[in-house]
C-alpha atoms as a PDB file:
ATOM      1  CA  MET A   1      78.271  85.738  99.268  1.00  0.00           C
ATOM      2  CA  ARG A   2      76.293  88.200  97.136  1.00  0.00           C
ATOM      3  CA  MET A   3      74.486  90.889  99.100  1.00  0.00           C
ATOM      4  CA  ARG A   4      70.809  91.329  98.223  1.00  0.00           C
ATOM      5  CA  ASN A   5      70.173  94.701  96.611  1.00  0.00           C
ATOM      6  CA  LYS A   6      68.141  97.125  98.703  1.00  0.00           C
ATOM      7  CA  PRO A   7      66.744  99.785  96.364  1.00  0.00           C
ATOM      8  CA  TRP A   8      65.424 101.802  99.317  1.00  0.00           C
ATOM      9  CA  ALA A   9      68.909 102.109 100.848  1.00  0.00           C
ATOM     10  CA  ILE A  10      69.995 105.253  98.968  1.00  0.00           C
ATOM     11  CA  ASP A  11      67.007 107.282 100.134  1.00  0.00           C
ATOM     12  CA  PHE A  12      67.296 105.937 103.674  1.00  0.00           C
ATOM     13  CA  ILE A  13      70.951 106.965 103.817  1.00  0.00           C
ATOM     14  CA  ALA A  14      70.137 110.433 102.443  1.00  0.00           C
ATOM     15  CA  ASP A  15      67.518 110.871 105.162  1.00  0.00           C
ATOM     16  CA  HIS A  16      70.118 110.453 107.928  1.00  0.00           C
ATOM     17  CA  PRO A  17      72.983 112.889 107.225  1.00  0.00           C
ATOM     18  CA  GLN A  18      73.687 113.151 110.955  1.00  0.00           C
ATOM     19  CA  PHE A  19      75.065 109.605 110.777  1.00  0.00           C
ATOM     20  CA  VAL A  20      76.239 109.179 107.172  1.00  0.00           C
ATOM     21  CA  ILE A  21      78.212 112.258 106.161  1.00  0.00           C
ATOM     22  CA  SER A  22      76.845 113.235 102.754  1.00  0.00           C
ATOM     23  CA  ASN A  23      79.709 115.499 101.591  1.00  0.00           C
ATOM     24  CA  PRO A  24      82.874 113.965 103.058  1.00  0.00           C
ATOM     25  CA  THR A  25      85.221 116.005 100.879  1.00  0.00           C
ATOM     26  CA  GLU A  26      83.998 119.090 102.751  1.00  0.00           C
ATOM     27  CA  ALA A  27      84.840 117.361 106.044  1.00  0.00           C
ATOM     28  CA  LYS A  28      88.516 116.925 105.162  1.00  0.00           C
ATOM     29  CA  GLY A  29      90.623 118.473 107.906  1.00  0.00           C
ATOM     30  CA  LYS A  30      87.498 119.268 109.936  1.00  0.00           C
ATOM     31  CA  TRP A  31      86.645 115.939 111.542  1.00  0.00           C
ATOM     32  CA  HIS A  32      87.397 117.103 115.062  1.00  0.00           C
ATOM     33  CA  GLU A  33      85.003 120.003 114.481  1.00  0.00           C
ATOM     34  CA  ILE A  34      82.346 117.574 113.253  1.00  0.00           C
ATOM     35  CA  PHE A  35      82.706 115.433 116.361  1.00  0.00           C
ATOM     36  CA  GLY A  36      82.985 118.517 118.559  1.00  0.00           C
ATOM     37  CA  ASN A  37      86.102 117.368 120.401  1.00  0.00           C
ATOM     38  CA  SER A  38      89.798 116.622 119.953  1.00  0.00           C
ATOM     39  CA  HIS A  39      89.593 112.891 120.697  1.00  0.00           C
ATOM     40  CA  PRO A  40      91.547 110.407 118.562  1.00  0.00           C
ATOM     41  CA  ILE A  41      89.817 109.259 115.379  1.00  0.00           C
ATOM     42  CA  HIS A  42      89.733 105.590 114.381  1.00  0.00           C
ATOM     43  CA  ILE A  43      88.347 104.394 111.058  1.00  0.00           C
ATOM     44  CA  GLU A  44      87.220 100.965 109.908  1.00  0.00           C
ATOM     45  CA  VAL A  45      87.743 100.410 106.190  1.00  0.00           C
ATOM     46  CA  GLY A  46      85.072  97.976 105.038  1.00  0.00           C
ATOM     47  CA  THR A  47      82.737  98.337 107.989  1.00  0.00           C
ATOM     48  CA  GLY A  48      80.153  95.912 106.604  1.00  0.00           C
ATOM     49  CA  LYS A  49      76.974  95.724 108.660  1.00  0.00           C
ATOM     50  CA  GLY A  50      78.488  97.794 111.454  1.00  0.00           C
ATOM     51  CA  GLN A  51      78.625  95.433 114.422  1.00  0.00           C
ATOM     52  CA  PHE A  52      82.314  96.103 115.101  1.00  0.00           C
ATOM     53  CA  ILE A  53      82.283  99.885 114.728  1.00  0.00           C
ATOM     54  CA  THR A  54      79.133 100.382 116.809  1.00  0.00           C
ATOM     55  CA  GLY A  55      80.496  98.047 119.471  1.00  0.00           C
ATOM     56  CA  MET A  56      83.808  99.904 119.633  1.00  0.00           C
ATOM     57  CA  ALA A  57      82.099 103.291 119.794  1.00  0.00           C
ATOM     58  CA  GLY A  58      79.857 102.086 122.585  1.00  0.00           C
ATOM     59  CA  GLN A  59      82.775 100.871 124.674  1.00  0.00           C
ATOM     60  CA  ASN A  60      85.138 103.807 124.080  1.00  0.00           C
ATOM     61  CA  ASP A  61      83.472 107.194 124.396  1.00  0.00           C
ATOM     62  CA  SER A  62      86.844 109.004 124.395  1.00  0.00           C
ATOM     63  CA  ILE A  63      87.547 107.878 120.813  1.00  0.00           C
ATOM     64  CA  ASN A  64      85.736 108.965 117.644  1.00  0.00           C
ATOM     65  CA  TYR A  65      84.879 106.236 115.128  1.00  0.00           C
ATOM     66  CA  ILE A  66      84.132 106.362 111.418  1.00  0.00           C
ATOM     67  CA  GLY A  67      82.885 103.305 109.532  1.00  0.00           C
ATOM     68  CA  ILE A  68      83.612 103.255 105.804  1.00  0.00           C
ATOM     69  CA  GLU A  69      81.696 101.066 103.362  1.00  0.00           C
ATOM     70  CA  LEU A  70      81.229 101.320  99.591  1.00  0.00           C
ATOM     71  CA  SER A  71      77.987  99.378  99.150  1.00  0.00           C
ATOM     72  CA  GLU A  72      74.760 101.213  99.973  1.00  0.00           C
ATOM     73  CA  SER A  73      72.950  97.910 100.487  1.00  0.00           C
ATOM     74  CA  ILE A  74      75.459  96.935 103.176  1.00  0.00           C
ATOM     75  CA  ILE A  75      76.131 100.227 104.947  1.00  0.00           C
ATOM     76  CA  VAL A  76      72.400 100.794 105.369  1.00  0.00           C
ATOM     77  CA  THR A  77      72.424  97.968 107.947  1.00  0.00           C
ATOM     78  CA  ALA A  78      75.295  99.688 109.756  1.00  0.00           C
ATOM     79  CA  LEU A  79      73.237 102.878 109.638  1.00  0.00           C
ATOM     80  CA  GLN A  80      70.293 101.116 111.257  1.00  0.00           C
ATOM     81  CA  LYS A  81      72.607  99.979 114.060  1.00  0.00           C
ATOM     82  CA  ALA A  82      73.995 103.514 114.409  1.00  0.00           C
ATOM     83  CA  ILE A  83      70.488 104.919 114.701  1.00  0.00           C
ATOM     84  CA  GLU A  84      69.682 102.365 117.387  1.00  0.00           C
ATOM     85  CA  VAL A  85      72.732 103.095 119.561  1.00  0.00           C
ATOM     86  CA  ASP A  86      72.724 106.861 118.722  1.00  0.00           C
ATOM     87  CA  LEU A  87      76.296 107.535 119.849  1.00  0.00           C
ATOM     88  CA  PRO A  88      77.890 110.989 119.404  1.00  0.00           C
ATOM     89  CA  ASN A  89      81.289 109.445 118.642  1.00  0.00           C
ATOM     90  CA  LEU A  90      80.145 107.447 115.599  1.00  0.00           C
ATOM     91  CA  LYS A  91      79.851 108.457 111.943  1.00  0.00           C
ATOM     92  CA  LEU A  92      79.630 106.537 108.664  1.00  0.00           C
ATOM     93  CA  LEU A  93      80.923 107.160 105.145  1.00  0.00           C
ATOM     94  CA  ASN A  94      79.485 105.564 102.004  1.00  0.00           C
ATOM     95  CA  VAL A  95      82.668 105.970  99.928  1.00  0.00           C
ATOM     96  CA  ASN A  96      85.464 104.107  98.149  1.00  0.00           C
ATOM     97  CA  ALA A  97      88.565 103.371 100.242  1.00  0.00           C
ATOM     98  CA  GLU A  98      90.769 104.239  97.263  1.00  0.00           C
ATOM     99  CA  LYS A  99      89.829 107.890  97.797  1.00  0.00           C
ATOM    100  CA  LEU A 100      90.447 108.244 101.527  1.00  0.00           C
ATOM    101  CA  THR A 101      92.921 111.071 100.979  1.00  0.00           C
ATOM    102  CA  GLU A 102      90.042 113.122  99.547  1.00  0.00           C
ATOM    103  CA  TYR A 103      88.137 112.811 102.828  1.00  0.00           C
ATOM    104  CA  PHE A 104      90.904 112.974 105.435  1.00  0.00           C
ATOM    105  CA  GLU A 105      93.783 115.397 105.855  1.00  0.00           C
ATOM    106  CA  ASP A 106      97.325 114.091 106.233  1.00  0.00           C
ATOM    107  CA  GLY A 107      97.788 112.945 109.831  1.00  0.00           C
ATOM    108  CA  GLU A 108      94.107 113.353 110.739  1.00  0.00           C
ATOM    109  CA  ILE A 109      93.483 109.696 111.673  1.00  0.00           C
ATOM    110  CA  ASP A 110      94.979 107.765 114.587  1.00  0.00           C
ATOM    111  CA  ARG A 111      94.157 104.146 113.714  1.00  0.00           C
ATOM    112  CA  VAL A 112      92.835 102.052 110.819  1.00  0.00           C
ATOM    113  CA  TYR A 113      90.889  98.823 111.307  1.00  0.00           C
ATOM    114  CA  LEU A 114      90.711  96.229 108.529  1.00  0.00           C
ATOM    115  CA  ASN A 115      88.293  93.453 109.427  1.00  0.00           C
ATOM    116  CA  PHE A 116      87.561  90.449 107.222  1.00  0.00           C
ATOM    117  CA  SER A 117      88.430  92.235 104.012  1.00  0.00           C
ATOM    118  CA  ASP A 118      87.791  90.548 100.665  1.00  0.00           C
ATOM    119  CA  PRO A 119      90.839  88.257 100.171  1.00  0.00           C
ATOM    120  CA  TRP A 120      90.877  88.584  96.363  1.00  0.00           C
ATOM    121  CA  PRO A 121      92.655  85.207  96.174  1.00  0.00           C
ATOM    122  CA  LYS A 122      93.721  85.317  92.523  1.00  0.00           C
ATOM    123  CA  PRO A 123      97.255  86.720  92.090  1.00  0.00           C
ATOM    124  CA  ARG A 124      96.128  89.071  89.321  1.00  0.00           C
ATOM    125  CA  HIS A 125      93.749  90.726  91.800  1.00  0.00           C
ATOM    126  CA  ALA A 126      96.400  91.398  94.470  1.00  0.00           C
ATOM    127  CA  LYS A 127      96.204  95.163  93.901  1.00  0.00           C
ATOM    128  CA  ARG A 128      92.607  95.119  95.134  1.00  0.00           C
ATOM    129  CA  ARG A 129      93.546  93.745  98.561  1.00  0.00           C
ATOM    130  CA  LEU A 130      93.244  96.361 101.286  1.00  0.00           C
ATOM    131  CA  THR A 131      96.717  95.427 102.529  1.00  0.00           C
ATOM    132  CA  PHE A 132      98.386  95.968  99.136  1.00  0.00           C
ATOM    133  CA  LYS A 133     101.135  98.581  99.136  1.00  0.00           C
ATOM    134  CA  THR A 134      99.088 101.253  97.381  1.00  0.00           C
ATOM    135  CA  PHE A 135      96.467 101.064 100.134  1.00  0.00           C
ATOM    136  CA  LEU A 136      99.208 101.091 102.778  1.00  0.00           C
ATOM    137  CA  SER A 137     100.504 104.326 101.275  1.00  0.00           C
ATOM    138  CA  ILE A 138      97.020 105.827 101.561  1.00  0.00           C
ATOM    139  CA  TYR A 139      96.732 104.819 105.211  1.00  0.00           C
ATOM    140  CA  GLU A 140     100.207 106.187 105.899  1.00  0.00           C
ATOM    141  CA  ARG A 141      99.214 109.602 104.558  1.00  0.00           C
ATOM    142  CA  ILE A 142      96.059 110.012 106.612  1.00  0.00           C
ATOM    143  CA  LEU A 143      97.495 108.495 109.801  1.00  0.00           C
ATOM    144  CA  VAL A 144      99.412 110.368 112.471  1.00  0.00           C
ATOM    145  CA  ASP A 145     103.106 109.587 112.901  1.00  0.00           C
ATOM    146  CA  GLY A 146     103.260 106.178 114.515  1.00  0.00           C
ATOM    147  CA  GLY A 147      99.686 105.388 113.472  1.00  0.00           C
ATOM    148  CA  GLU A 148      98.555 101.782 113.545  1.00  0.00           C
ATOM    149  CA  ILE A 149      96.641  99.264 111.449  1.00  0.00           C
ATOM    150  CA  HIS A 150      94.698  96.549 113.286  1.00  0.00           C
ATOM    151  CA  PHE A 151      93.855  93.666 110.981  1.00  0.00           C
ATOM    152  CA  LYS A 152      91.613  90.597 111.411  1.00  0.00           C
ATOM    153  CA  THR A 153      90.701  87.831 108.985  1.00  0.00           C
ATOM    154  CA  ASP A 154      89.698  84.183 108.835  1.00  0.00           C
ATOM    155  CA  ASN A 155      91.679  83.731 105.614  1.00  0.00           C
ATOM    156  CA  GLN A 156      95.129  82.265 106.252  1.00  0.00           C
ATOM    157  CA  GLY A 157      96.373  83.103 102.767  1.00  0.00           C
ATOM    158  CA  LEU A 158      95.374  86.754 103.085  1.00  0.00           C
ATOM    159  CA  PHE A 159      96.905  86.932 106.545  1.00  0.00           C
ATOM    160  CA  GLU A 160     100.243  85.564 105.365  1.00  0.00           C
ATOM    161  CA  TYR A 161     100.198  87.859 102.348  1.00  0.00           C
ATOM    162  CA  SER A 162      99.389  90.855 104.546  1.00  0.00           C
ATOM    163  CA  LEU A 163     102.192  90.173 107.026  1.00  0.00           C
ATOM    164  CA  THR A 164     104.611  90.065 104.095  1.00  0.00           C
ATOM    165  CA  SER A 165     103.133  93.247 102.629  1.00  0.00           C
ATOM    166  CA  PHE A 166     103.410  95.033 105.988  1.00  0.00           C
ATOM    167  CA  SER A 167     107.018  93.925 106.381  1.00  0.00           C
ATOM    168  CA  GLU A 168     108.050  94.925 102.868  1.00  0.00           C
ATOM    169  CA  TYR A 169     106.482  98.338 103.371  1.00  0.00           C
ATOM    170  CA  GLY A 170     108.525  98.850 106.530  1.00  0.00           C
ATOM    171  CA  LEU A 171     105.840  98.606 109.197  1.00  0.00           C
ATOM    172  CA  ARG A 172     106.684  97.345 112.647  1.00  0.00           C
ATOM    173  CA  LEU A 173     104.811  94.291 113.873  1.00  0.00           C
ATOM    174  CA  GLN A 174     103.317  95.017 117.297  1.00  0.00           C
ATOM    175  CA  TYR A 175     101.099  91.976 117.824  1.00  0.00           C
ATOM    176  CA  VAL A 176     100.189  88.787 116.000  1.00  0.00           C
ATOM    177  CA  SER A 177      97.801  85.951 116.806  1.00  0.00           C
ATOM    178  CA  LEU A 178      97.267  82.841 114.719  1.00  0.00           C
ATOM    179  CA  ASP A 179      94.237  81.855 116.779  1.00  0.00           C
ATOM    180  CA  LEU A 180      92.673  84.941 118.315  1.00  0.00           C
ATOM    181  CA  HIS A 181      89.787  83.287 120.122  1.00  0.00           C
ATOM    182  CA  ASN A 182      92.127  80.882 121.894  1.00  0.00           C
ATOM    183  CA  SER A 183      94.587  83.590 122.861  1.00  0.00           C
ATOM    184  CA  LYS A 184      94.774  85.850 125.897  1.00  0.00           C
ATOM    185  CA  PHE A 185      93.743  88.926 123.903  1.00  0.00           C
ATOM    186  CA  GLU A 186      91.174  90.989 125.792  1.00  0.00           C
ATOM    187  CA  GLY A 187      88.516  93.389 124.565  1.00  0.00           C
ATOM    188  CA  ASN A 188      87.857  91.790 121.193  1.00  0.00           C
ATOM    189  CA  ILE A 189      84.718  93.061 119.444  1.00  0.00           C
ATOM    190  CA  MET A 190      83.509  90.558 116.866  1.00  0.00           C
ATOM    191  CA  THR A 191      82.181  91.392 113.431  1.00  0.00           C
ATOM    192  CA  GLU A 192      79.235  89.529 111.921  1.00  0.00           C
ATOM    193  CA  TYR A 193      81.605  87.477 109.753  1.00  0.00           C
ATOM    194  CA  GLU A 194      83.802  86.724 112.741  1.00  0.00           C
ATOM    195  CA  GLU A 195      80.860  85.293 114.670  1.00  0.00           C
ATOM    196  CA  LYS A 196      79.916  83.153 111.681  1.00  0.00           C
ATOM    197  CA  PHE A 197      83.381  81.807 110.901  1.00  0.00           C
ATOM    198  CA  SER A 198      84.456  81.220 114.485  1.00  0.00           C
ATOM    199  CA  GLY A 199      81.156  79.426 115.070  1.00  0.00           C
ATOM    200  CA  LEU A 200      82.181  77.029 112.304  1.00  0.00           C
ATOM    201  CA  GLY A 201      85.427  76.349 114.129  1.00  0.00           C
ATOM    202  CA  GLN A 202      87.641  78.422 111.829  1.00  0.00           C
ATOM    203  CA  ARG A 203      90.673  80.219 113.229  1.00  0.00           C
ATOM    204  CA  ILE A 204      90.669  83.987 113.426  1.00  0.00           C
ATOM    205  CA  TYR A 205      93.974  85.701 112.653  1.00  0.00           C
ATOM    206  CA  ARG A 206      94.848  89.121 114.016  1.00  0.00           C
ATOM    207  CA  SER A 207      97.775  91.530 113.797  1.00  0.00           C
ATOM    208  CA  GLU A 208      98.669  95.063 114.814  1.00  0.00           C
ATOM    209  CA  VAL A 209     101.286  96.977 112.842  1.00  0.00           C
ATOM    210  CA  LYS A 210     102.701 100.438 113.272  1.00  0.00           C
ATOM    211  CA  PHE A 211     104.018 102.982 110.788  1.00  0.00           C
ATOM    212  CA  LEU A 212     107.430 104.380 111.571  1.00  0.00           C
ATOM    213  CA  ASN A 213     108.473 107.851 110.557  1.00  0.00           C
ATOM    214  CA  GLU A 214     110.659 108.070 107.469  1.00  0.00           C
ATOM    215  CA  LYS A 215     113.874 108.616 109.403  1.00  0.00           C
ATOM    216  CA  LEU A 216     113.392 105.499 111.491  1.00  0.00           C
ATOM    217  CA  ARG A 217     112.287 103.423 108.495  1.00  0.00           C
ATOM    218  CA  THR A 218     115.506 104.158 106.629  1.00  0.00           C
ATOM    219  CA  ASN A 219     117.778 103.172 109.515  1.00  0.00           C
ATOM    220  CA  LYS A 220     119.179  99.709 108.834  1.00  0.00           C
ATOM    221  CA  TRP A 221     118.893  98.620 112.441  1.00  0.00           C
ATOM    222  CA  PHE A 222     115.126  98.638 112.076  1.00  0.00           C
END
């Protein structure tokens, strides 16, 4: 679905630097200073309209959250939600996920959320998927040792591809659900897409995977 362009979004974002960090490269290695505490930092790559990240921040005040979205016309809705809830543990970045290492120091992040990412279904577009190996290598750099990726999608093909990609990269599968809303999983915060798709009766797939340190990953018994 094509998002309607919002020409006013750029100025609106610029007017709220307390929520959308305007110079994220200067924040690299300083995120705990920006939040004013040493709490864990979780990021959502592709935060969309912000329902998930604002919901998580509201429920977990001992964790810092950063929502990342490339499109100004989309993140501006997340910004409006952030302004409404006005939580000290929530920030937004209007940046490209391919450049996360420019905004975060190695080991600065504790968890990555990937929710309803674009499936890029054509094989020739596989490199654009946020669970492709080049993106996994980016997440691995910015995550702490043993950092996790939590992944949700309604797209069975993307889910199967991602589980294979995780496995080939050497991540450990911690949790998997082929039908999240009919599982015993507790504490699920839905995204806007999740509400829409589940309302249509579509299954929601979810997994949690964990990076192992290099020594453990090279041991054959893993």
